[in-house]
């Protein structure tokens, strides 16, 4: 477990750098060859299943109790995820993107469930972690039923949306592995001697498969990008704006109703989207360029989350090792 623990720590600490290197490396390599990206695209269903299965080890049934205990926070989180975020992405696509496939890709970012990293940032800011986990788990279970209809409604004028086919794919790639992961975690917790800290390797494996899918999208899309270089500036403009707007609106809406702990959980659980899920849907259901906004969004979502964390972290007096008092922020 020594190697696996070191690998998990490396992924956690360097994930932002890994994302940037993967995107840039895949695009550079694509100028010479897209065979690696095409090969990985062919394995999308397997990679997607494994990614969600490993991710689902973090979901336990008690997380759903918050639906009853804190219904207002859950309703706000679900509304922001499946109403506000899709509308933000739809409006930005209308205003800034003139390519149909890229517009559909931006909208797809908005309709997928929230990111698991939202609960991590919530914890760092001393927010309501159970609420963040509950919103994340609930959006994952609702996603197969909501994504096809939302894509038809918002992106149907840009690309062909086969609702039945997409639903079947989402059930196989999302709902089945989520339930399998939760069942496995339940079995491990009750009948296995595996320690909880050892389960930390599974989110790392999920992140690794997400990086492979990201590489597949960027590398295989290079020929199409080169043919349509004029679309890149508007695409970047739209992708850069998505997450700052989402975080700002979510924070302002929740600020008038919820205490700080719940407000942090709601903001990060709606401002951050599950981009690996969006990548999987793009790879199996749409043309190649649909995945490009999603791949680029990995960079800007992480940068936005880091910035918001720095703005919201509590400033407090902390005792230093030398016995002096000084101002320090929250946990890094």
Protein backbone atom coordinates (compact mmCIF):
# COMPACT_ATOMS: atom_id res chain seq x y z
CA UNK A 1 0.00 0.00 0.00
CA UNK A 2 3.03 2.27 0.31
CA UNK A 3 3.22 2.92 -3.41
CA UNK A 4 -0.55 3.37 -3.74
CA UNK A 5 -0.64 5.81 -0.83
CA UNK A 6 2.19 7.84 -2.37
CA UNK A 7 0.46 7.80 -5.74
CA UNK A 8 -2.82 8.96 -4.19
CA UNK A 9 -1.06 11.81 -2.40
CA UNK A 10 0.71 12.84 -5.61
CA UNK A 11 -2.58 12.95 -7.55
CA UNK A 12 -4.30 14.99 -4.84
CA UNK A 13 -1.48 17.51 -4.55
CA UNK A 14 -0.67 17.87 -8.26
CA UNK A 15 -4.04 17.29 -9.93
CA UNK A 16 -4.32 20.82 -11.29
CA UNK A 17 -0.86 20.57 -12.86
CA UNK A 18 -1.66 17.10 -14.21
CA UNK A 19 -4.79 18.46 -15.90
CA UNK A 20 -2.91 21.32 -17.55
CA UNK A 21 -0.08 19.06 -18.73
CA UNK A 22 -2.55 16.49 -20.07
CA UNK A 23 -4.55 19.03 -22.09
CA UNK A 24 -1.49 20.76 -23.52
CA UNK A 25 0.36 17.50 -24.17
CA UNK A 26 -2.62 15.92 -25.93
CA UNK A 27 -3.05 18.97 -28.17
CA UNK A 28 0.65 19.07 -29.06
CA UNK A 29 0.81 15.34 -29.77
CA UNK A 30 -2.28 15.65 -31.93
CA UNK A 31 -0.28 17.63 -34.47
CA UNK A 32 1.62 14.43 -35.27
CA UNK A 33 -0.75 11.63 -34.31
CA UNK A 34 -4.24 11.13 -32.91
CA UNK A 35 -3.98 7.33 -32.69
CA UNK A 36 -3.61 7.34 -28.89
CA UNK A 37 -6.68 9.52 -28.48
CA UNK A 38 -8.71 7.42 -30.90
CA UNK A 39 -7.69 4.24 -29.08
CA UNK A 40 -8.83 5.65 -25.74
CA UNK A 41 -12.08 6.91 -27.28
CA UNK A 42 -12.83 3.32 -28.26
CA UNK A 43 -12.54 2.33 -24.60
CA UNK A 44 -14.86 5.09 -23.37
CA UNK A 45 -17.58 2.82 -21.99
CA UNK A 46 -15.10 0.78 -19.94
CA UNK A 47 -13.21 3.82 -18.67
CA UNK A 48 -16.42 5.64 -17.81
CA UNK A 49 -17.78 2.66 -15.87
CA UNK A 50 -14.56 2.30 -13.87
CA UNK A 51 -14.30 6.03 -13.22
CA UNK A 52 -17.83 6.24 -11.76
CA UNK A 53 -17.45 2.93 -9.89
CA UNK A 54 -14.30 4.14 -8.13
CA UNK A 55 -15.87 7.54 -7.50
CA UNK A 56 -18.91 5.92 -5.89
CA UNK A 57 -16.83 4.45 -3.06
CA UNK A 58 -17.24 7.87 -1.41
CA UNK A 59 -21.06 7.59 -1.39
CA UNK A 60 -22.73 5.97 1.62
CA UNK A 61 -26.50 5.66 2.22
CA UNK A 62 -26.51 7.96 5.28
CA UNK A 63 -25.69 10.89 3.00
CA UNK A 64 -29.29 10.83 1.74
CA UNK A 65 -30.71 11.55 5.21
CA UNK A 66 -30.09 15.25 4.58
CA UNK A 67 -32.95 15.22 2.05
CA UNK A 68 -35.28 15.07 5.06
CA UNK A 69 -33.17 16.87 7.67
CA UNK A 70 -32.20 19.88 5.51
CA UNK A 71 -34.74 19.98 2.68
CA UNK A 72 -34.26 23.66 1.89
CA UNK A 73 -30.52 23.24 1.30
CA UNK A 74 -31.10 20.16 -0.84
CA UNK A 75 -33.77 21.89 -2.94
CA UNK A 76 -31.50 24.90 -3.47
CA UNK A 77 -28.57 22.66 -4.43
CA UNK A 78 -30.62 20.63 -6.88
CA UNK A 79 -32.18 23.73 -8.40
CA UNK A 80 -28.81 25.36 -8.95
CA UNK A 81 -27.40 22.18 -10.50
CA UNK A 82 -30.22 21.32 -12.85
CA UNK A 83 -31.87 24.69 -13.54
CA UNK A 84 -29.51 27.60 -13.02
CA UNK A 85 -26.27 26.07 -14.31
CA UNK A 86 -27.88 24.72 -17.51
CA UNK A 87 -29.38 28.17 -18.15
CA UNK A 88 -26.04 29.93 -17.57
CA UNK A 89 -24.30 27.64 -20.04
CA UNK A 90 -27.16 27.94 -22.54
CA UNK A 91 -27.04 31.75 -22.44
CA UNK A 92 -23.24 31.84 -22.81
CA UNK A 93 -23.46 29.42 -25.73
CA UNK A 94 -26.06 31.62 -27.42
CA UNK A 95 -24.08 34.81 -26.91
CA UNK A 96 -20.51 33.70 -27.54
CA UNK A 97 -20.28 30.43 -29.48
CA UNK A 98 -21.19 30.12 -33.13
CA UNK A 99 -20.28 26.46 -33.68
CA UNK A 100 -23.11 24.01 -32.99
CA UNK A 101 -20.96 21.22 -31.55
CA UNK A 102 -19.06 23.56 -29.23
CA UNK A 103 -22.30 25.15 -28.07
CA UNK A 104 -23.70 21.72 -27.24
CA UNK A 105 -20.51 20.91 -25.32
CA UNK A 106 -20.84 24.04 -23.20
CA UNK A 107 -24.47 23.24 -22.42
CA UNK A 108 -23.51 19.68 -21.48
CA UNK A 109 -21.21 21.12 -18.79
CA UNK A 110 -24.23 22.74 -17.18
CA UNK A 111 -26.56 19.74 -17.12
CA UNK A 112 -24.29 17.13 -15.50
CA UNK A 113 -24.26 16.51 -11.72
CA UNK A 114 -22.01 18.38 -9.32
CA UNK A 115 -18.37 17.45 -8.77
CA UNK A 116 -17.22 15.33 -5.87
CA UNK A 117 -14.46 17.88 -5.26
CA UNK A 118 -17.16 20.26 -4.08
CA UNK A 119 -17.28 18.46 -0.72
CA UNK A 120 -13.48 18.68 -0.42
CA UNK A 121 -13.48 22.46 -0.85
CA UNK A 122 -16.45 22.66 1.52
CA UNK A 123 -14.43 20.85 4.16
CA UNK A 124 -11.44 23.14 3.71
CA UNK A 125 -13.71 26.13 4.29
CA UNK A 126 -15.35 24.52 7.35
CA UNK A 127 -18.66 24.29 5.55
CA UNK A 128 -21.49 21.77 5.87
CA UNK A 129 -19.80 18.63 4.51
CA UNK A 130 -22.83 16.30 4.98
CA UNK A 131 -24.97 18.68 2.93
CA UNK A 132 -22.34 18.87 0.18
CA UNK A 133 -22.05 15.07 0.09
CA UNK A 134 -25.83 14.69 0.00
CA UNK A 135 -26.22 17.10 -2.90
CA UNK A 136 -23.45 15.32 -4.79
CA UNK A 137 -24.88 11.85 -4.26
CA UNK A 138 -28.43 12.91 -5.13
CA UNK A 139 -27.39 14.67 -8.34
CA UNK A 140 -25.47 11.56 -9.41
CA UNK A 141 -28.57 9.38 -9.01
CA UNK A 142 -30.85 11.89 -10.75
CA UNK A 143 -28.46 12.57 -13.63
CA UNK A 144 -29.46 9.67 -15.94
CA UNK A 145 -33.09 10.78 -15.78
CA UNK A 146 -32.49 14.52 -16.21
CA UNK A 147 -29.53 14.89 -18.59
CA UNK A 148 -31.25 13.53 -21.75
CA UNK A 149 -34.29 15.79 -21.37
CA UNK A 150 -32.24 18.87 -20.53
CA UNK A 151 -29.94 18.30 -23.50
CA UNK A 152 -32.93 17.90 -25.81
CA UNK A 153 -34.50 21.08 -24.47
CA UNK A 154 -31.38 23.28 -24.47
CA UNK A 155 -29.08 21.74 -27.08
CA UNK A 156 -31.58 20.11 -29.44
CA UNK A 157 -31.29 23.02 -31.86
CA UNK A 158 -27.50 22.52 -32.07
CA UNK A 159 -27.04 18.75 -32.28
CA UNK A 160 -29.17 15.65 -32.68
CA UNK A 161 -30.16 14.36 -29.23
CA UNK A 162 -31.36 10.76 -29.07
CA UNK A 163 -33.01 10.78 -25.67
CA UNK A 164 -33.61 7.03 -25.49
CA UNK A 165 -30.08 6.12 -26.53
CA UNK A 166 -28.55 8.66 -24.13
CA UNK A 167 -30.69 7.40 -21.25
CA UNK A 168 -29.61 3.80 -21.88
CA UNK A 169 -25.95 4.84 -22.00
CA UNK A 170 -26.26 6.89 -18.81
CA UNK A 171 -27.91 4.02 -16.96
CA UNK A 172 -25.07 1.68 -17.97
CA UNK A 173 -22.24 4.17 -17.49
CA UNK A 174 -23.56 6.12 -14.51
CA UNK A 175 -26.42 4.59 -12.55
CA UNK A 176 -25.17 0.97 -12.59
CA UNK A 177 -21.60 1.79 -11.46
CA UNK A 178 -22.91 4.23 -8.82
CA UNK A 179 -25.12 1.53 -7.30
CA UNK A 180 -22.35 -1.06 -7.64
CA UNK A 181 -19.86 1.24 -5.93
CA UNK A 182 -22.27 2.01 -3.08
CA UNK A 183 -23.00 -1.71 -2.62
CA UNK A 184 -19.29 -2.53 -2.59
CA UNK A 185 -18.61 0.22 -0.03
CA UNK A 186 -21.44 -1.11 2.15
CA UNK A 187 -19.95 -4.61 1.99
CA UNK A 188 -16.43 -3.35 2.74
CA UNK A 189 -17.60 -1.30 5.73
CA UNK A 190 -19.35 -4.26 7.31
CA UNK A 191 -17.44 -7.37 6.34
CA UNK A 192 -13.93 -6.32 5.38
CA UNK A 193 -10.84 -5.43 7.38
CA UNK A 194 -9.89 -2.69 4.90
CA UNK A 195 -9.30 0.56 6.74
CA UNK A 196 -11.14 3.72 5.73
CA UNK A 197 -7.91 5.53 4.92
CA UNK A 198 -7.06 2.73 2.47
CA UNK A 199 -10.27 3.50 0.58
CA UNK A 200 -8.71 6.83 -0.36
CA UNK A 201 -7.03 5.13 -3.32
CA UNK A 202 -10.37 4.73 -5.12
CA UNK A 203 -11.03 8.46 -5.78
CA UNK A 204 -7.46 8.57 -7.07
CA UNK A 205 -8.16 5.77 -9.53
CA UNK A 206 -11.29 7.64 -10.61
CA UNK A 207 -9.23 10.78 -11.20
CA UNK A 208 -6.72 8.76 -13.25
CA UNK A 209 -9.40 7.41 -15.59
CA UNK A 210 -10.77 10.96 -15.93
CA UNK A 211 -7.34 12.13 -17.11
CA UNK A 212 -7.31 9.38 -19.75
CA UNK A 213 -10.72 10.47 -21.04
CA UNK A 214 -9.55 14.09 -21.07
CA UNK A 215 -6.53 13.10 -23.16
CA UNK A 216 -8.76 11.21 -25.59
CA UNK A 217 -10.99 14.23 -26.19
CA UNK A 218 -8.17 16.75 -26.69
CA UNK A 219 -5.92 14.53 -28.78
CA UNK A 220 -8.58 13.22 -31.15
CA UNK A 221 -10.10 16.69 -31.68
CA UNK A 222 -6.87 18.34 -32.96
CA UNK A 223 -7.58 17.88 -36.69
CA UNK A 224 -11.00 19.52 -36.27
CA UNK A 225 -9.53 22.35 -34.19
CA UNK A 226 -6.94 23.08 -36.89
CA UNK A 227 -9.70 23.32 -39.48
CA UNK A 228 -11.68 25.75 -37.30
CA UNK A 229 -9.10 27.93 -35.55
CA UNK A 230 -11.38 30.95 -35.75
CA UNK A 231 -13.73 29.42 -33.17
CA UNK A 232 -11.08 29.12 -30.44
CA UNK A 233 -11.21 32.70 -29.02
CA UNK A 234 -14.98 32.69 -28.49
CA UNK A 235 -14.82 29.18 -27.03
CA UNK A 236 -12.17 30.22 -24.51
CA UNK A 237 -14.17 33.32 -23.61
CA UNK A 238 -17.27 31.26 -22.86
CA UNK A 239 -15.43 28.57 -20.89
CA UNK A 240 -13.56 31.14 -18.80
CA UNK A 241 -16.84 32.84 -17.81
CA UNK A 242 -18.91 29.76 -16.88
CA UNK A 243 -17.53 29.01 -13.45
CA UNK A 244 -17.00 32.54 -12.06
CA UNK A 245 -20.62 33.35 -12.97
CA UNK A 246 -21.87 30.06 -11.49
CA UNK A 247 -20.02 30.54 -8.20
CA UNK A 248 -21.06 34.18 -7.88
CA UNK A 249 -24.75 33.58 -8.57
CA UNK A 250 -24.90 30.51 -6.32
CA UNK A 251 -23.23 32.36 -3.46
CA UNK A 252 -25.42 35.45 -3.75
CA UNK A 253 -28.66 33.45 -3.97
CA UNK A 254 -27.81 31.26 -0.97
CA UNK A 255 -26.44 34.16 1.08
CA UNK A 256 -29.88 35.63 1.75
CA UNK A 257 -31.32 32.38 3.15
CA UNK A 258 -28.68 30.05 4.58
CA UNK A 259 -26.04 30.25 7.33
CA UNK A 260 -22.39 30.30 6.27
CA UNK A 261 -21.76 26.54 6.59
CA UNK A 262 -24.68 25.61 4.34
CA UNK A 263 -23.95 28.51 1.99
CA UNK A 264 -20.41 27.20 1.39
CA UNK A 265 -21.71 23.69 0.72
CA UNK A 266 -24.37 24.90 -1.72
CA UNK A 267 -21.97 27.22 -3.55
CA UNK A 268 -19.28 24.61 -4.20
CA UNK A 269 -21.78 21.81 -4.85
CA UNK A 270 -23.39 23.80 -7.65
CA UNK A 271 -20.53 25.94 -8.95
CA UNK A 272 -18.42 22.85 -9.66
CA UNK A 273 -19.68 20.33 -12.22
CA UNK A 274 -18.78 16.67 -12.73
CA UNK A 275 -16.75 17.16 -15.89
CA UNK A 276 -15.66 13.49 -16.17
CA UNK A 277 -19.35 12.55 -16.51
CA UNK A 278 -19.76 15.26 -19.15
CA UNK A 279 -16.76 13.86 -21.03
CA UNK A 280 -18.19 10.37 -21.01
CA UNK A 281 -21.54 11.55 -22.34
CA UNK A 282 -19.83 13.62 -25.04
CA UNK A 283 -17.65 10.71 -26.17
CA UNK A 284 -20.48 8.20 -26.56
CA UNK A 285 -23.35 10.42 -27.70
CA UNK A 286 -22.03 13.37 -29.73
CA UNK A 287 -19.47 14.45 -32.37
CA UNK A 288 -15.83 14.96 -31.37
CA UNK A 289 -15.88 18.73 -30.93
CA UNK A 290 -18.62 18.53 -28.29
CA UNK A 291 -16.02 17.30 -25.82
CA UNK A 292 -13.54 20.15 -26.37
CA UNK A 293 -15.23 22.76 -24.11
CA UNK A 294 -15.40 20.12 -21.39
CA UNK A 295 -11.70 19.29 -21.59
CA UNK A 296 -10.76 22.98 -21.41
CA UNK A 297 -13.16 23.47 -18.51
CA UNK A 298 -11.10 21.20 -16.25
CA UNK A 299 -8.44 23.91 -16.08
CA UNK A 300 -10.76 26.85 -15.50
CA UNK A 301 -13.03 25.08 -13.01
CA UNK A 302 -10.05 24.23 -10.80
CA UNK A 303 -8.63 27.75 -11.06
CA UNK A 304 -12.01 29.28 -10.18
CA UNK A 305 -12.52 26.97 -7.20
CA UNK A 306 -9.03 27.82 -5.91
CA UNK A 307 -9.72 31.54 -6.24
CA UNK A 308 -13.10 31.33 -4.50
CA UNK A 309 -11.50 29.31 -1.70
CA UNK A 310 -8.95 32.05 -1.11
CA UNK A 311 -11.67 34.69 -1.07
CA UNK A 312 -13.93 32.82 1.36
CA UNK A 313 -11.48 31.18 3.75
CA UNK A 314 -11.86 32.48 7.30
CA UNK A 315 -9.20 34.80 8.68
CA UNK A 316 -8.45 33.94 12.28
CA UNK A 317 -5.84 34.40 14.96
CA UNK A 318 -3.62 31.34 15.19
CA UNK A 319 -0.89 30.51 17.69
CA UNK A 320 2.45 30.14 15.89
CA UNK A 321 5.16 27.73 16.88
CA UNK A 322 7.34 30.50 18.33
CA UNK A 323 4.57 31.53 20.70
CA UNK A 324 3.58 34.67 18.79
CA UNK A 325 0.12 35.37 17.47
CA UNK A 326 -0.40 36.02 13.79
CA UNK A 327 -3.11 36.02 11.15
CA UNK A 328 -3.40 32.88 9.06
CA UNK A 329 -6.01 31.61 6.71
CA UNK A 330 -7.86 28.36 6.87
CA UNK A 331 -6.49 24.96 5.95
CA UNK A 332 -4.67 24.74 2.68
